[in-house]
Protein backbone atom coordinates (compact mmCIF):
# COMPACT_ATOMS: atom_id res chain seq x y z
CA MET A 1 72.34 -5.51 21.69
CA LEU A 2 72.31 -4.20 25.24
CA GLU A 3 69.09 -6.13 25.89
CA LEU A 4 70.74 -9.30 24.54
CA VAL A 5 73.79 -8.91 26.81
CA LEU A 6 71.62 -8.14 29.83
CA LEU A 7 69.32 -11.08 29.09
CA LEU A 8 72.15 -13.62 28.77
CA LEU A 9 73.95 -12.26 31.85
CA ILE A 10 70.90 -12.41 34.14
CA VAL A 11 69.76 -15.81 32.92
CA THR A 12 73.26 -17.27 33.44
CA ILE A 13 73.41 -15.93 37.00
CA LEU A 14 69.99 -17.43 37.80
CA ALA A 15 70.58 -20.71 35.95
CA PHE A 16 73.73 -21.69 37.86
CA PRO A 17 72.10 -22.27 41.29
CA LEU A 18 68.99 -23.70 39.64
CA GLY A 19 71.18 -26.19 37.76
CA LYS A 20 72.86 -27.27 41.00
CA TYR A 21 69.47 -27.74 42.64
CA LEU A 22 68.14 -29.68 39.63
CA ALA A 23 71.19 -31.98 39.69
CA ALA A 24 70.45 -32.84 43.32
CA ILE A 25 66.86 -33.67 42.38
CA MET A 26 67.84 -35.90 39.45
CA GLN A 27 70.49 -37.75 41.47
CA ASN A 28 67.57 -39.14 43.47
CA LYS A 29 69.31 -38.75 46.80
CA VAL A 30 67.86 -37.90 50.19
CA MET A 31 67.14 -34.15 50.38
CA LYS A 32 66.19 -31.82 53.24
CA ILE A 33 63.01 -30.87 51.36
CA ASP A 34 61.77 -34.49 51.14
CA PRO A 35 59.08 -34.02 53.85
CA LEU A 36 57.54 -31.20 51.78
CA PHE A 37 57.00 -33.40 48.73
CA ASN A 38 56.92 -37.04 49.86
CA TRP A 39 53.23 -36.81 50.75
CA ILE A 40 52.51 -35.97 47.07
CA GLU A 41 55.04 -38.25 45.41
CA LYS A 42 54.72 -41.47 47.45
CA PRO A 43 51.02 -42.11 46.60
CA ILE A 44 51.84 -41.66 42.89
CA TYR A 45 54.71 -44.17 43.14
CA ALA A 46 52.34 -46.57 44.93
CA VAL A 47 49.74 -46.32 42.14
CA LEU A 48 52.45 -46.87 39.52
CA GLY A 49 53.83 -49.83 41.47
CA THR A 50 57.38 -48.54 41.56
CA HIS A 51 59.97 -47.06 43.92
CA PRO A 52 62.24 -44.10 43.09
CA GLN A 53 65.35 -46.12 43.97
CA GLN A 54 64.32 -48.99 41.69
CA GLY A 55 66.47 -48.73 38.55
CA MET A 56 65.50 -49.70 35.01
CA GLN A 57 67.30 -51.14 32.04
CA VAL A 58 67.08 -49.17 28.80
CA LYS A 59 64.20 -51.14 27.23
CA THR A 60 62.03 -50.73 30.32
CA TYR A 61 62.87 -47.03 30.51
CA ILE A 62 61.94 -46.43 26.86
CA PHE A 63 58.77 -48.53 27.19
CA SER A 64 57.70 -46.47 30.22
CA PHE A 65 58.29 -43.27 28.26
CA VAL A 66 56.28 -44.44 25.24
CA PHE A 67 53.50 -45.93 27.40
CA SER A 68 53.07 -42.72 29.38
CA CYS A 69 52.86 -40.71 26.16
CA LEU A 70 50.23 -43.02 24.64
CA SER A 71 48.11 -43.08 27.80
CA ILE A 72 48.09 -39.34 28.36
CA GLY A 73 47.69 -38.63 24.65
CA PHE A 74 44.55 -40.75 24.31
CA VAL A 75 42.88 -39.03 27.28
CA VAL A 76 43.65 -35.53 25.95
CA TRP A 77 42.50 -36.45 22.43
CA ALA A 78 39.15 -37.58 23.82
CA LEU A 79 38.89 -34.42 25.95
CA PHE A 80 39.30 -32.16 22.90
CA MET A 81 36.63 -34.05 20.94
CA LEU A 82 34.12 -34.04 23.83
CA GLN A 83 34.73 -30.63 25.44
CA ALA A 84 31.31 -29.23 24.46
CA TYR A 85 29.64 -31.77 26.78
CA LEU A 86 32.02 -31.18 29.69
CA PRO A 87 32.06 -28.48 32.43
CA LEU A 88 34.11 -25.24 32.58
CA ASN A 89 33.02 -24.09 29.15
CA PRO A 90 31.43 -20.64 29.73
CA ASN A 91 32.22 -19.48 26.19
CA HIS A 92 30.52 -22.56 24.67
CA ALA A 93 33.52 -23.80 22.70
CA PRO A 94 32.45 -26.56 20.27
CA ASN A 95 33.95 -30.04 19.98
CA MET A 96 37.08 -30.31 17.85
CA SER A 97 37.12 -32.42 14.70
CA TRP A 98 39.09 -35.64 15.01
CA ASP A 99 41.99 -34.42 12.86
CA LEU A 100 42.31 -31.03 14.60
CA ALA A 101 42.05 -32.75 18.01
CA LEU A 102 44.71 -35.27 16.92
CA HIS A 103 47.12 -32.58 15.75
CA SER A 104 46.55 -30.46 18.87
CA MET A 105 47.08 -33.45 21.15
CA ILE A 106 50.26 -34.60 19.37
CA SER A 107 51.53 -31.03 19.22
CA PHE A 108 51.32 -30.56 22.98
CA LEU A 109 52.35 -34.16 23.72
CA THR A 110 55.59 -33.56 21.84
CA ASN A 111 56.16 -30.30 23.77
CA THR A 112 55.70 -28.39 20.50
CA ASN A 113 52.45 -26.49 20.88
CA GLN A 114 51.98 -25.83 17.18
CA GLN A 115 48.46 -24.43 17.05
CA HIS A 116 46.06 -24.93 14.14
CA TYR A 117 43.27 -23.58 16.34
CA SER A 118 42.61 -20.23 17.96
CA GLY A 119 43.01 -20.83 21.67
CA GLN A 120 40.49 -18.44 23.10
CA ALA A 121 37.74 -19.41 20.63
CA GLN A 122 38.07 -23.17 20.18
CA LEU A 123 39.04 -24.50 23.59
CA SER A 124 37.09 -24.63 26.85
CA TYR A 125 38.67 -23.67 30.16
CA LEU A 126 38.78 -27.39 31.04
CA SER A 127 40.63 -28.23 27.81
CA GLN A 128 43.07 -25.36 28.39
CA MET A 129 43.79 -26.26 32.02
CA VAL A 130 43.76 -30.07 31.89
CA GLY A 131 44.68 -30.85 28.29
CA ILE A 132 46.97 -27.98 27.32
CA VAL A 133 48.51 -26.88 30.63
CA GLY A 134 48.65 -30.47 31.89
CA LEU A 135 50.73 -31.53 28.89
CA GLN A 136 52.79 -28.35 29.11
CA ILE A 137 53.80 -29.37 32.64
CA ILE A 138 54.52 -33.05 32.11
CA THR A 139 56.10 -33.19 28.63
CA PRO A 140 59.14 -30.97 29.39
CA MET A 141 59.96 -33.25 32.30
CA MET A 142 59.68 -36.28 30.00
CA GLY A 143 62.35 -34.72 27.78
CA LEU A 144 64.49 -33.98 30.85
CA ALA A 145 64.12 -37.59 32.02
CA MET A 146 65.31 -38.96 28.68
CA VAL A 147 68.43 -36.79 28.56
CA VAL A 148 69.29 -37.56 32.19
CA ALA A 149 69.03 -41.28 31.40
CA THR A 150 71.32 -40.72 28.39
CA VAL A 151 73.87 -38.90 30.55
CA ARG A 152 73.75 -41.72 33.14
CA ALA A 153 74.56 -44.22 30.42
CA LEU A 154 77.20 -42.02 28.81
CA PHE A 155 79.13 -41.71 32.08
CA PHE A 156 78.24 -45.18 33.40
CA LYS A 157 80.90 -46.84 35.55
CA PRO A 158 80.32 -50.54 36.23
CA ALA A 159 81.01 -51.86 39.68
CA VAL A 160 84.16 -53.95 39.80
CA THR A 161 83.18 -57.21 41.49
CA PRO A 162 84.46 -60.78 41.22
CA ILE A 163 81.30 -61.71 39.34
CA ALA A 164 81.70 -58.87 36.86
CA ALA A 165 85.37 -59.69 36.38
CA SER A 166 84.62 -63.33 35.61
CA ALA A 167 81.82 -62.59 33.17
CA VAL A 168 84.18 -62.20 30.26
CA ASP A 169 82.06 -64.22 27.89
CA GLU A 170 78.88 -62.36 28.65
CA SER A 171 77.15 -61.34 25.41
CA PHE A 172 76.95 -57.71 24.40
CA ASN A 173 73.15 -57.69 24.60
CA GLU A 174 73.27 -59.15 28.09
CA LYS A 175 75.70 -56.44 29.14
CA ILE A 176 73.27 -53.81 27.85
CA LYS A 177 70.57 -55.26 30.10
CA THR A 178 72.77 -54.68 33.14
CA ILE A 179 73.07 -50.92 32.53
CA ASN A 180 70.96 -49.02 35.08
CA VAL A 181 69.69 -45.80 33.45
CA GLY A 182 67.52 -44.76 36.41
CA ASN A 183 63.82 -44.84 37.20
CA TYR A 184 61.71 -43.11 34.54
CA TRP A 185 58.79 -42.34 36.82
CA ALA A 186 61.02 -40.77 39.48
CA ASP A 187 62.88 -38.79 36.79
CA VAL A 188 59.56 -37.26 35.72
CA ILE A 189 57.76 -36.88 39.04
CA ARG A 190 60.56 -35.44 41.20
CA PRO A 191 61.49 -32.45 38.97
CA THR A 192 57.82 -31.78 38.20
CA PHE A 193 56.84 -31.20 41.83
CA ARG A 194 60.16 -30.02 43.23
CA PHE A 195 61.37 -27.78 40.41
CA LEU A 196 58.96 -26.86 37.62
CA LEU A 197 55.68 -26.27 39.49
CA PRO A 198 57.16 -24.01 42.22
CA LEU A 199 58.95 -21.98 39.54
CA CYS A 200 55.72 -21.68 37.53
CA MET A 201 53.81 -20.47 40.58
CA VAL A 202 56.31 -17.67 41.13
CA TRP A 203 56.20 -16.67 37.45
CA ALA A 204 52.39 -16.79 37.30
CA LEU A 205 52.10 -14.46 40.31
CA PHE A 206 54.56 -12.05 38.70
CA LEU A 207 52.68 -12.05 35.38
CA ASN A 208 49.38 -11.53 37.17
CA SER A 209 50.90 -8.50 38.93
CA GLN A 210 51.77 -7.11 35.48
CA GLY A 211 48.16 -7.39 34.30
CA VAL A 212 47.88 -10.89 32.81
CA PRO A 213 44.38 -12.24 33.70
CA ALA A 214 43.87 -15.19 36.02
CA THR A 215 40.12 -15.84 36.39
CA PHE A 216 37.43 -18.46 35.74
CA GLN A 217 34.84 -15.86 34.76
CA GLY A 218 33.70 -15.40 31.20
CA GLY A 219 35.06 -12.30 29.50
CA PRO A 220 33.10 -9.02 29.44
CA GLU A 221 31.29 -7.59 26.43
CA VAL A 222 32.34 -4.08 25.48
CA GLN A 223 31.22 -1.46 22.97
CA VAL A 224 33.53 -1.23 19.95
CA LEU A 225 34.71 2.21 18.88
CA ASP A 226 34.07 1.72 15.16
CA GLN A 227 30.54 0.31 15.20
CA THR A 228 28.78 -1.09 12.14
CA SER A 229 25.33 -2.48 11.49
CA THR A 230 26.66 -5.98 12.09
CA LEU A 231 29.20 -5.29 14.85
CA SER A 232 28.54 -3.11 17.86
CA THR A 233 29.92 -5.17 20.77
CA GLN A 234 32.89 -7.47 21.27
CA LYS A 235 33.44 -10.16 23.86
CA ILE A 236 36.89 -10.00 25.51
CA PRO A 237 37.97 -13.58 26.29
CA LEU A 238 39.66 -13.99 29.66
CA GLY A 239 40.39 -17.07 31.77
CA PRO A 240 43.32 -18.47 33.82
CA VAL A 241 45.81 -16.96 31.39
CA ALA A 242 48.74 -16.17 33.75
CA PRO A 243 49.43 -19.82 34.79
CA MET A 244 49.30 -20.92 31.16
CA VAL A 245 51.71 -18.20 30.03
CA ALA A 246 54.08 -19.04 32.90
CA ILE A 247 54.29 -22.73 31.99
CA LYS A 248 54.39 -22.11 28.25
CA GLN A 249 57.51 -19.97 28.65
CA LEU A 250 59.28 -21.86 31.43
CA GLY A 251 58.47 -25.27 29.97
CA SER A 252 59.76 -24.50 26.47
CA ASN A 253 56.21 -25.00 25.27
CA GLY A 254 55.24 -21.82 23.48
CA GLY A 255 51.79 -21.58 22.02
CA GLY A 256 49.43 -19.10 23.56
CA TRP A 257 46.11 -18.67 25.31
CA TYR A 258 45.23 -16.21 22.58
CA GLY A 259 45.68 -16.83 18.86
CA PRO A 260 48.16 -13.93 18.33
CA ASN A 261 50.15 -15.25 21.28
CA SER A 262 52.40 -12.93 23.31
CA SER A 263 51.74 -10.00 20.98
CA VAL A 264 48.36 -9.68 22.75
CA PRO A 265 48.54 -7.16 25.63
CA LEU A 266 46.56 -9.52 27.87
CA GLU A 267 49.38 -12.10 27.56
CA ASN A 268 52.28 -9.67 27.52
CA PRO A 269 51.21 -6.27 28.86
CA THR A 270 54.45 -4.40 29.73
CA PRO A 271 58.10 -4.10 28.66
CA LEU A 272 59.06 -5.77 31.95
CA SER A 273 56.76 -8.72 31.29
CA ASN A 274 58.24 -8.94 27.77
CA PHE A 275 61.79 -9.16 29.17
CA MET A 276 60.84 -11.64 31.89
CA GLU A 277 59.02 -13.87 29.43
CA MET A 278 62.15 -13.97 27.26
CA LEU A 279 64.19 -14.77 30.36
CA ALA A 280 61.77 -17.58 31.19
CA ILE A 281 62.27 -19.06 27.71
CA LEU A 282 66.01 -19.49 28.36
CA LEU A 283 66.05 -20.18 32.09
CA ILE A 284 65.46 -23.94 32.38
CA PRO A 285 67.30 -25.04 29.18
CA ILE A 286 70.43 -23.23 30.41
CA SER A 287 69.87 -24.61 33.93
CA VAL A 288 69.95 -28.11 32.41
CA ILE A 289 73.41 -27.37 30.96
CA PHE A 290 74.72 -26.37 34.41
CA MET A 291 72.96 -29.41 35.87
CA LEU A 292 75.10 -31.53 33.54
CA GLY A 293 78.30 -30.36 35.26
CA PHE A 294 77.05 -31.05 38.78
CA PHE A 295 75.38 -34.32 37.80
CA THR A 296 78.43 -35.83 36.07
CA LYS A 297 81.05 -34.07 38.22
CA ARG A 298 82.67 -32.93 34.96
CA PRO A 299 82.40 -29.14 35.01
CA LYS A 300 84.71 -28.86 32.00
CA PHE A 301 82.27 -30.85 29.89
CA ALA A 302 79.37 -28.62 30.97
CA ALA A 303 81.49 -25.54 30.24
CA PHE A 304 82.25 -26.93 26.76
CA VAL A 305 78.54 -27.45 26.04
CA PHE A 306 77.59 -24.04 27.46
CA ALA A 307 80.30 -22.16 25.56
CA SER A 308 79.39 -23.88 22.26
CA MET A 309 75.71 -23.07 22.65
CA LEU A 310 76.43 -19.52 23.84
CA LEU A 311 78.57 -18.74 20.79
CA MET A 312 75.87 -20.02 18.43
CA SER A 313 73.22 -18.11 20.41
CA VAL A 314 75.02 -14.76 20.21
CA MET A 315 75.69 -15.18 16.49
CA SER A 316 72.06 -16.07 15.85
CA ALA A 317 70.54 -13.27 17.96
CA SER A 318 72.91 -10.64 16.55
CA SER A 319 72.00 -11.68 13.01
CA ALA A 320 68.27 -11.44 13.76
CA ILE A 321 68.58 -7.98 15.34
CA TRP A 322 70.65 -6.74 12.39
CA SER A 323 68.23 -8.21 9.89
CA GLU A 324 65.14 -6.75 11.50
CA SER A 325 66.43 -3.24 12.12
CA LEU A 326 69.38 -2.57 9.79
CA SER A 327 69.15 -4.77 6.67
CA ALA A 328 68.11 -3.56 3.22
CA SER A 329 64.64 -5.05 3.56
CA ALA A 330 64.00 -4.05 7.19
CA THR A 331 62.16 -0.80 6.40
CA GLN A 332 60.07 -2.11 3.52
CA ILE A 333 56.42 -1.34 4.15
CA SER A 334 55.47 -4.89 3.13
CA VAL A 335 57.27 -6.37 6.12
CA MET A 336 55.80 -3.99 8.71
CA GLU A 337 52.33 -5.55 8.91
CA GLY A 338 52.02 -7.75 11.97
CA LYS A 339 54.92 -6.15 13.84
CA GLU A 340 54.35 -5.47 17.53
CA MET A 341 55.38 -1.83 17.83
CA ARG A 342 54.99 -1.65 21.60
CA PHE A 343 58.41 -3.25 22.03
CA GLY A 344 60.12 -2.22 18.80
CA GLU A 345 61.68 -4.22 16.00
CA SER A 346 64.93 -5.07 17.80
CA SER A 347 63.21 -6.54 20.85
CA SER A 348 60.84 -8.51 18.65
CA ALA A 349 63.79 -9.82 16.62
CA LEU A 350 65.54 -10.84 19.84
CA TRP A 351 62.40 -12.70 20.92
CA ALA A 352 62.20 -14.42 17.52
CA ALA A 353 65.82 -15.56 17.87
CA MET A 354 65.42 -16.82 21.44
CA THR A 355 62.13 -18.61 20.87
CA THR A 356 63.63 -20.56 17.95
CA GLN A 357 66.96 -21.18 19.71
CA VAL A 358 64.85 -22.85 22.38
CA ASN A 359 62.04 -25.19 21.34
CA ASN A 360 59.59 -22.61 22.59
CA GLY A 361 57.64 -21.20 19.68
CA SER A 362 55.91 -18.29 21.41
CA VAL A 363 55.96 -15.02 19.47
CA ASN A 364 55.51 -11.33 20.21
CA MET A 365 55.20 -10.50 16.53
CA MET A 366 54.04 -12.43 13.51
CA HIS A 367 57.10 -14.16 12.01
CA ASP A 368 55.37 -14.01 8.62
CA SER A 369 55.90 -10.25 8.74
CA ALA A 370 59.55 -10.41 9.79
CA ALA A 371 62.27 -9.40 7.36
CA PRO A 372 63.17 -12.42 5.16
CA LEU A 373 66.63 -12.76 6.69
CA THR A 374 65.06 -12.83 10.17
CA GLY A 375 62.97 -15.73 8.94
CA LEU A 376 66.18 -17.35 7.66
CA VAL A 377 67.73 -17.01 11.12
CA ALA A 378 64.65 -18.55 12.74
CA LEU A 379 64.67 -21.44 10.25
CA SER A 380 68.39 -22.05 10.79
CA ASN A 381 67.93 -22.07 14.58
CA MET A 382 65.24 -24.74 14.31
CA LEU A 383 67.16 -26.81 11.77
CA ILE A 384 70.21 -26.84 14.09
CA ASN A 385 67.87 -27.42 17.06
CA SER A 386 70.64 -27.48 19.64
CA ILE A 387 71.19 -23.79 20.44
CA TRP A 388 69.90 -24.26 23.99
CA GLY A 389 66.99 -26.27 22.58
CA GLY A 390 64.08 -27.55 24.61
CA ILE A 391 64.28 -28.85 28.16
CA GLY A 392 66.40 -31.97 27.77
CA CYS A 393 65.76 -32.12 24.02
CA GLY A 394 68.36 -29.47 23.24
CA LEU A 395 71.08 -31.30 25.15
CA GLN A 396 69.96 -34.58 23.56
CA GLN A 397 70.31 -33.06 20.09
CA PHE A 398 73.71 -31.66 21.08
CA ILE A 399 74.81 -35.15 22.11
CA ILE A 400 73.83 -36.38 18.63
CA TYR A 401 76.08 -33.73 17.08
CA LEU A 402 78.77 -34.68 19.61
CA PHE A 403 78.70 -38.32 18.45
CA LEU A 404 78.91 -37.15 14.83
CA ALA A 405 81.76 -34.72 15.51
CA VAL A 406 83.76 -37.41 17.35
CA PHE A 407 83.23 -39.80 14.44
CA ILE A 408 84.35 -37.24 11.83
CA ALA A 409 87.31 -36.15 13.98
CA GLY A 410 88.34 -39.80 14.26
CA LEU A 411 88.26 -40.18 10.48
CA MET A 412 90.29 -36.98 10.04
CA THR A 413 93.01 -38.13 12.44
CA GLY A 414 93.05 -41.77 11.36
CA ARG A 415 92.01 -43.04 14.80
CA THR A 416 89.09 -45.15 15.92
CA PRO A 417 86.34 -42.73 17.06
CA GLU A 418 86.29 -42.80 20.83
CA LEU A 419 84.23 -40.84 23.38
CA PHE A 420 85.11 -40.91 27.09
CA GLY A 421 87.22 -44.03 26.58
CA ARG A 422 84.58 -46.02 24.68
CA LYS A 423 84.75 -46.77 20.95
CA ILE A 424 82.02 -45.58 18.57
CA GLU A 425 81.66 -48.44 16.09
CA ALA A 426 79.44 -49.53 13.20
CA GLY A 427 76.34 -50.25 15.29
CA GLU A 428 76.33 -46.78 16.84
CA ILE A 429 77.03 -45.06 13.50
CA LYS A 430 74.06 -46.83 11.85
CA LEU A 431 71.76 -45.58 14.59
CA LEU A 432 73.29 -42.12 14.32
CA ALA A 433 72.73 -42.12 10.55
CA VAL A 434 69.05 -42.92 11.08
CA VAL A 435 68.43 -39.99 13.43
CA ILE A 436 70.37 -37.56 11.20
CA LEU A 437 68.69 -38.63 7.93
CA ILE A 438 65.14 -38.51 9.30
CA GLN A 439 65.19 -34.70 9.41
CA PRO A 440 65.85 -33.89 5.72
CA ILE A 441 63.72 -36.80 4.47
CA VAL A 442 60.64 -35.75 6.46
CA ILE A 443 60.92 -31.97 6.05
CA LEU A 444 61.91 -31.87 2.38
CA SER A 445 59.47 -34.62 1.32
CA LEU A 446 56.45 -33.04 2.98
CA THR A 447 57.43 -29.56 1.74
CA ALA A 448 57.83 -30.85 -1.85
CA ILE A 449 54.47 -32.67 -1.83
CA THR A 450 52.65 -29.64 -0.40
CA LEU A 451 54.19 -27.20 -2.88
CA PHE A 452 53.58 -29.60 -5.80
CA LEU A 453 49.87 -29.65 -4.95
CA PRO A 454 48.92 -25.97 -4.44
CA GLN A 455 45.39 -26.88 -3.39
CA LEU A 456 46.91 -28.35 -0.22
CA THR A 457 48.93 -25.34 0.91
CA GLY A 458 46.33 -22.67 1.57
CA ASN A 459 49.15 -20.13 1.69
CA SER A 460 48.54 -16.41 1.42
CA ASN A 461 51.61 -15.55 -0.63
CA PRO A 462 52.90 -16.79 -3.98
CA ALA A 463 56.44 -17.46 -5.13
CA TYR A 464 59.36 -17.21 -2.71
CA HIS A 465 57.50 -16.18 0.42
CA GLY A 466 54.96 -18.91 -0.16
CA ILE A 467 57.81 -21.45 -0.16
CA SER A 468 59.06 -19.98 3.12
CA GLN A 469 55.61 -20.30 4.68
CA VAL A 470 55.30 -23.99 3.85
CA LEU A 471 58.90 -24.83 4.74
CA TYR A 472 58.65 -22.99 8.07
CA GLU A 473 55.54 -24.94 9.09
CA TYR A 474 57.22 -28.32 8.65
CA VAL A 475 60.57 -27.22 10.10
CA SER A 476 58.76 -25.85 13.15
CA ALA A 477 56.81 -29.09 13.55
CA PHE A 478 59.85 -31.34 13.20
CA ALA A 479 61.97 -29.20 15.52
CA ASN A 480 59.17 -29.34 18.10
CA ASN A 481 59.16 -25.54 18.15
CA GLY A 482 55.61 -24.62 17.23
CA SER A 483 56.07 -21.06 15.95
CA GLY A 484 54.69 -20.33 12.51
CA PHE A 485 54.95 -17.95 9.61
CA GLU A 486 51.17 -18.15 9.59
CA GLY A 487 49.53 -16.99 6.41
CA LEU A 488 48.46 -20.61 5.96
CA ALA A 489 44.98 -22.09 6.05
CA ASP A 490 46.45 -24.86 8.16
CA ASN A 491 43.31 -26.26 9.84
CA THR A 492 42.76 -28.83 7.09
CA LEU A 493 42.98 -32.62 7.00
CA TRP A 494 46.28 -32.52 5.08
CA TRP A 495 48.02 -30.00 7.31
CA ASN A 496 46.78 -31.61 10.53
CA VAL A 497 47.83 -35.15 9.55
CA SER A 498 51.14 -34.28 7.82
CA CYS A 499 52.24 -31.98 10.63
CA SER A 500 51.30 -34.67 13.17
CA LEU A 501 53.67 -37.04 11.36
CA ALA A 502 56.47 -34.44 11.41
CA LEU A 503 55.84 -33.76 15.11
CA LEU A 504 56.14 -37.44 16.07
CA LEU A 505 59.23 -38.13 13.95
CA GLY A 506 60.93 -35.00 15.27
CA ARG A 507 60.34 -35.92 18.91
CA PHE A 508 60.67 -39.62 19.58
CA PRO A 509 63.70 -40.73 17.50
CA THR A 510 65.70 -37.74 18.77
CA LEU A 511 64.99 -38.67 22.39
CA ILE A 512 65.18 -42.46 22.12
CA ILE A 513 68.06 -43.20 19.72
CA PRO A 514 70.78 -41.22 21.62
CA LEU A 515 69.78 -43.12 24.77
CA ILE A 516 70.22 -46.42 22.92
CA ILE A 517 73.62 -45.31 21.55
CA ALA A 518 74.79 -44.17 25.00
CA THR A 519 73.68 -47.49 26.53
CA ARG A 520 75.58 -49.42 23.86
CA LEU A 521 78.70 -47.38 24.68
CA ALA A 522 78.21 -48.06 28.39
CA ALA A 523 78.23 -51.80 27.72
CA LYS A 524 81.68 -51.59 26.12
CA ARG A 525 84.99 -51.88 27.88
CA GLN A 526 86.25 -48.44 28.88
CA ALA A 527 89.85 -47.66 28.07
CA PRO A 528 91.64 -45.18 30.35
CA GLU A 529 91.86 -41.71 28.83
CA SER A 530 95.45 -40.79 27.89
CA ASN A 531 97.30 -38.09 26.04
CA GLY A 532 96.39 -39.85 22.82
CA SER A 533 92.65 -39.74 23.55
CA LEU A 534 90.45 -37.21 21.77
CA LYS A 535 89.80 -34.30 24.11
CA VAL A 536 86.30 -32.92 23.52
CA GLU A 537 86.49 -30.27 26.22
CA THR A 538 88.68 -27.90 24.19
CA PRO A 539 88.05 -24.73 22.16
CA THR A 540 89.34 -26.46 19.02
CA PHE A 541 86.86 -29.31 19.26
CA ALA A 542 84.05 -26.87 20.15
CA LEU A 543 84.71 -24.88 16.97
CA THR A 544 84.93 -28.12 14.99
CA LEU A 545 81.57 -29.25 16.33
CA ILE A 546 79.94 -25.89 15.54
CA ALA A 547 81.37 -25.99 12.01
CA ILE A 548 80.00 -29.52 11.50
CA VAL A 549 76.58 -28.46 12.78
CA VAL A 550 76.40 -25.43 10.48
CA MET A 551 77.74 -27.23 7.42
CA LEU A 552 75.44 -30.20 7.91
CA THR A 553 72.43 -27.90 8.10
CA LEU A 554 73.48 -25.82 5.08
CA LEU A 555 74.35 -28.79 2.90
CA GLN A 556 70.97 -30.40 3.49
CA PHE A 557 68.72 -27.37 3.28
CA LEU A 558 70.61 -24.67 1.36
CA PRO A 559 68.73 -25.19 -1.94
CA VAL A 560 65.30 -24.72 -0.38
CA LEU A 561 66.56 -21.83 1.78
CA VAL A 562 67.81 -20.11 -1.39
CA LEU A 563 64.40 -20.58 -3.02
CA GLY A 564 62.64 -19.29 0.07
CA PRO A 565 63.93 -16.57 2.45
CA ILE A 566 67.14 -15.69 0.57
CA ALA A 567 65.30 -15.11 -2.74
CA ASP A 568 62.59 -13.24 -0.83
CA HIS A 569 65.22 -10.92 0.65
CA LEU A 570 66.87 -10.25 -2.71
CA LEU A 571 63.49 -9.42 -4.24
CA LEU A 572 62.67 -6.91 -1.49
CA ALA A 573 66.18 -5.41 -1.55
CA GLN A 574 65.74 -4.66 -5.25
CA GLY A 575 62.66 -2.66 -4.41
């Protein structure tokens, strides 16, 4: 628990100034550091044919987002399927099959990094650096751009001009077109060069000082201690590992250079590196929350969001630590395989909680070997998907729950649901229903089909734990987390295609639909907030929102959670 308190304290202290700095970047104003970055940014703007001060309406912004994803995705997909013919491949990694390349591309394009391949064996250095690390850099900033555009729309204040005052009869759709949600390309490019990359450089240097490799040389061959007639030497894969680990943690990416991820000493060599990697997981998502206060000039709203997420985070992490070290099943020999004993069960449980609270997905132990209730905590974190969440994505998911909580609170009090002086009406509720219903439909349908056809699962455990393994894979994909229970033969056509579908449906509707809802609200007449208005920045509403989040998750997924991790725990507790 001391490590948890220390972790949250340090990350909060660091995130506050970073959030203020990030707000200045996203406000797209003149900054003292402009000369340091203009020489990089201006040529990119020229190639794209845009200007950072040139605003966009919502359709153009969304189109730019989707177009950039499709363009980058196609290039990376081709890279994975052709890597054997390309340079920087000293370990002679073969070409990926089309389905594995598709899943890997979509996984990293959606900032998920769910891996159905073993990184050190199946990817060349070029694929790692350009395909994987390239997407790990750009995709978090895409999520940040979408949430910043949503916030701009949510707090949009139209200019009061004679023209605007006379345009009473202007159609609602025409009003939507007048809402300036910012410039997508500037919202991606500016934080990439001015915020994320400098931070990654610092973290990469620190990790390298701790012993994480950073080289282009092929790994050495060493004599194994327990030699057999077929195995006498082993090749130790190296590569530019430190930069990849830095961006995977800071960018809420997860994944790993090595298959076993951050449980490998070459990725996570010391207790200090273990703590700093956990800190990196939380740093930017919490910075985004503080950015919200400076960006909107509503510190109370940012404090409301931070306090709500912090309460859920502490409850989640405490439950995981208790489950892994003190519960009835914690000491069972069957759940000890795959544990990373260098850091101890409590620290590994804390990592498991933090990596699923954030859409990170890196692990320092195999979650398949965690106590069943620890797996339940991890699943719950990903189903809620707004306890910090990914960079931008977590706040976007929180805004979805905010819309829902305001709507339910309005029904309970007999008032028209209203947020920041603008009414939430039928059109917004229909869109909200779509984004809320997608989650259970996708996850439960794919889980049911896979379990109904055992030849598809390839799971290593029967009964309750086998259900948990399958459920976790789809929940992780949909939540854009990427961690896994493993124990699945998941590099198959079914798993690659079905998980790709879950990845896409978990990413794009969650980012796009809240922006559309916020833009629709911005186009409506804003009533002045009075004593009769619903106050969201209060402890009562915060607790109401948390209760709605928890109940919504439990009501939708409780039956399958009972059949999976809860039944697994009861079975182990009985001995």
